C-alpha atoms as a PDB file:
ATOM      1  CA  UNK A   1     -11.426  -3.137  20.536  1.00  0.00           C
ATOM      2  CA  UNK A   2      -8.404  -1.147  19.379  1.00  0.00           C
ATOM      3  CA  UNK A   3      -5.676  -2.912  17.417  1.00  0.00           C
ATOM      4  CA  UNK A   4      -2.107  -1.667  17.692  1.00  0.00           C
ATOM      5  CA  UNK A   5      -0.070  -1.728  14.510  1.00  0.00           C
ATOM      6  CA  UNK A   6       3.698  -1.537  14.149  1.00  0.00           C
ATOM      7  CA  UNK A   7       5.246  -0.503  10.866  1.00  0.00           C
ATOM      8  CA  UNK A   8       8.223  -2.687   9.979  1.00  0.00           C
ATOM      9  CA  UNK A   9       9.211  -1.558   6.484  1.00  0.00           C
ATOM     10  CA  UNK A  10       8.700   1.255   4.020  1.00  0.00           C
ATOM     11  CA  UNK A  11       9.644   2.024   0.463  1.00  0.00           C
ATOM     12  CA  UNK A  12       9.168   5.038  -1.764  1.00  0.00           C
ATOM     13  CA  UNK A  13       8.804   4.267  -5.445  1.00  0.00           C
ATOM     14  CA  UNK A  14       8.147   6.298  -8.581  1.00  0.00           C
ATOM     15  CA  UNK A  15       5.159   8.663  -8.605  1.00  0.00           C
ATOM     16  CA  UNK A  16       5.030   8.965  -4.818  1.00  0.00           C
ATOM     17  CA  UNK A  17       3.893   5.504  -3.727  1.00  0.00           C
ATOM     18  CA  UNK A  18       4.823   4.690  -0.156  1.00  0.00           C
ATOM     19  CA  UNK A  19       4.150   1.196   1.130  1.00  0.00           C
ATOM     20  CA  UNK A  20       4.270   0.159   4.764  1.00  0.00           C
ATOM     21  CA  UNK A  21       3.937  -3.296   6.227  1.00  0.00           C
ATOM     22  CA  UNK A  22       2.241  -3.610   9.583  1.00  0.00           C
ATOM     23  CA  UNK A  23       1.835  -6.207  12.267  1.00  0.00           C
ATOM     24  CA  UNK A  24      -1.404  -5.789  14.223  1.00  0.00           C
ATOM     25  CA  UNK A  25      -1.838  -7.452  17.592  1.00  0.00           C
ATOM     26  CA  UNK A  26      -3.870 -10.246  15.973  1.00  0.00           C
ATOM     27  CA  UNK A  27      -0.787 -11.203  13.891  1.00  0.00           C
ATOM     28  CA  UNK A  28      -2.672 -10.686  10.609  1.00  0.00           C
ATOM     29  CA  UNK A  29      -0.561  -8.549   8.295  1.00  0.00           C
ATOM     30  CA  UNK A  30      -1.690  -5.360   6.622  1.00  0.00           C
ATOM     31  CA  UNK A  31      -0.299  -3.550   3.626  1.00  0.00           C
ATOM     32  CA  UNK A  32      -0.963   0.191   3.512  1.00  0.00           C
ATOM     33  CA  UNK A  33      -0.179   2.032   0.290  1.00  0.00           C
ATOM     34  CA  UNK A  34      -0.145   5.825   0.570  1.00  0.00           C
ATOM     35  CA  UNK A  35      -1.100   7.786  -2.517  1.00  0.00           C
ATOM     36  CA  UNK A  36      -1.094  11.581  -2.302  1.00  0.00           C
ATOM     37  CA  UNK A  37      -0.411  11.393   1.443  1.00  0.00           C
ATOM     38  CA  UNK A  38      -3.554   9.373   2.265  1.00  0.00           C
ATOM     39  CA  UNK A  39      -3.069   5.945   3.875  1.00  0.00           C
ATOM     40  CA  UNK A  40      -5.567   3.182   3.218  1.00  0.00           C
ATOM     41  CA  UNK A  41      -5.387  -0.355   4.533  1.00  0.00           C
ATOM     42  CA  UNK A  42      -5.694  -3.288   2.161  1.00  0.00           C
ATOM     43  CA  UNK A  43      -5.377  -6.925   3.223  1.00  0.00           C
ATOM     44  CA  UNK A  44      -2.309  -8.787   2.066  1.00  0.00           C
ATOM     45  CA  UNK A  45      -2.183 -12.512   1.453  1.00  0.00           C
ATOM     46  CA  UNK A  46      -0.649 -14.315   4.420  1.00  0.00           C
ATOM     47  CA  UNK A  47       0.007 -18.026   4.653  1.00  0.00           C
ATOM     48  CA  UNK A  48      -1.784 -18.531   7.975  1.00  0.00           C
ATOM     49  CA  UNK A  49      -1.182 -16.154  10.861  1.00  0.00           C
ATOM     50  CA  UNK A  50       2.507 -16.962  11.245  1.00  0.00           C
ATOM     51  CA  UNK A  51       4.014 -14.980   8.364  1.00  0.00           C
ATOM     52  CA  UNK A  52       6.558 -12.237   8.954  1.00  0.00           C
ATOM     53  CA  UNK A  53       7.744  -9.580   6.526  1.00  0.00           C
ATOM     54  CA  UNK A  54      11.059  -7.920   7.261  1.00  0.00           C
ATOM     55  CA  UNK A  55      11.691  -5.718   4.244  1.00  0.00           C
ATOM     56  CA  UNK A  56      10.025  -4.071   1.279  1.00  0.00           C
ATOM     57  CA  UNK A  57      11.435  -2.531  -1.890  1.00  0.00           C
ATOM     58  CA  UNK A  58       9.840  -1.063  -4.991  1.00  0.00           C
ATOM     59  CA  UNK A  59      11.012  -0.014  -8.430  1.00  0.00           C
ATOM     60  CA  UNK A  60       7.650   1.402  -9.549  1.00  0.00           C
ATOM     61  CA  UNK A  61       4.087   1.645  -8.218  1.00  0.00           C
ATOM     62  CA  UNK A  62       3.251  -1.702  -9.791  1.00  0.00           C
ATOM     63  CA  UNK A  63       6.479  -3.549  -8.970  1.00  0.00           C
ATOM     64  CA  UNK A  64       6.960  -3.739  -5.187  1.00  0.00           C
ATOM     65  CA  UNK A  65       8.275  -6.803  -3.335  1.00  0.00           C
ATOM     66  CA  UNK A  66       8.119  -7.736   0.348  1.00  0.00           C
ATOM     67  CA  UNK A  67      10.322 -10.434   1.871  1.00  0.00           C
ATOM     68  CA  UNK A  68      10.195 -12.404   5.080  1.00  0.00           C
ATOM     69  CA  UNK A  69       9.374 -15.914   6.198  1.00  0.00           C
ATOM     70  CA  UNK A  70       6.402 -18.103   7.037  1.00  0.00           C
ATOM     71  CA  UNK A  71       6.177 -20.494   9.942  1.00  0.00           C
ATOM     72  CA  UNK A  72       5.763 -24.075   8.794  1.00  0.00           C
ATOM     73  CA  UNK A  73       6.702 -26.774  11.307  1.00  0.00           C
ATOM     74  CA  UNK A  74       9.586 -27.469  11.687  1.00  0.00           C
ATOM     75  CA  UNK A  75      11.098 -24.667   9.573  1.00  0.00           C
ATOM     76  CA  UNK A  76      10.657 -21.045   8.437  1.00  0.00           C
ATOM     77  CA  UNK A  77      10.570 -21.085   4.614  1.00  0.00           C
ATOM     78  CA  UNK A  78      11.231 -17.879   2.698  1.00  0.00           C
ATOM     79  CA  UNK A  79       8.281 -15.651   1.823  1.00  0.00           C
ATOM     80  CA  UNK A  80       8.314 -13.259  -1.143  1.00  0.00           C
ATOM     81  CA  UNK A  81       5.231 -11.232  -2.107  1.00  0.00           C
ATOM     82  CA  UNK A  82       4.714  -8.857  -5.022  1.00  0.00           C
ATOM     83  CA  UNK A  83       2.445  -5.783  -5.081  1.00  0.00           C
ATOM     84  CA  UNK A  84       1.195  -5.084  -8.617  1.00  0.00           C
ATOM     85  CA  UNK A  85      -0.731  -1.911  -7.836  1.00  0.00           C
ATOM     86  CA  UNK A  86      -4.067  -3.695  -7.388  1.00  0.00           C
ATOM     87  CA  UNK A  87      -5.672  -4.792  -4.121  1.00  0.00           C
END
């Protein structure tokens, strides 16, 4: 079964790191760092399947933040994740 992914945010940090956040059809999020032009998919922590990331920004390869919200009845609390360069 093929899963369709939609990229919703990118950032380019020092030393050529590019990070994209994706939303596959299953609603599980993926983080895909690209080093030297090669994309690889690594799982990102998601609180359940109802977490949404809307933006990503990075200062260096080991200091990248993604922001969004998580669904938690009856509200949508803020979600902030940090990429430290390790999967």
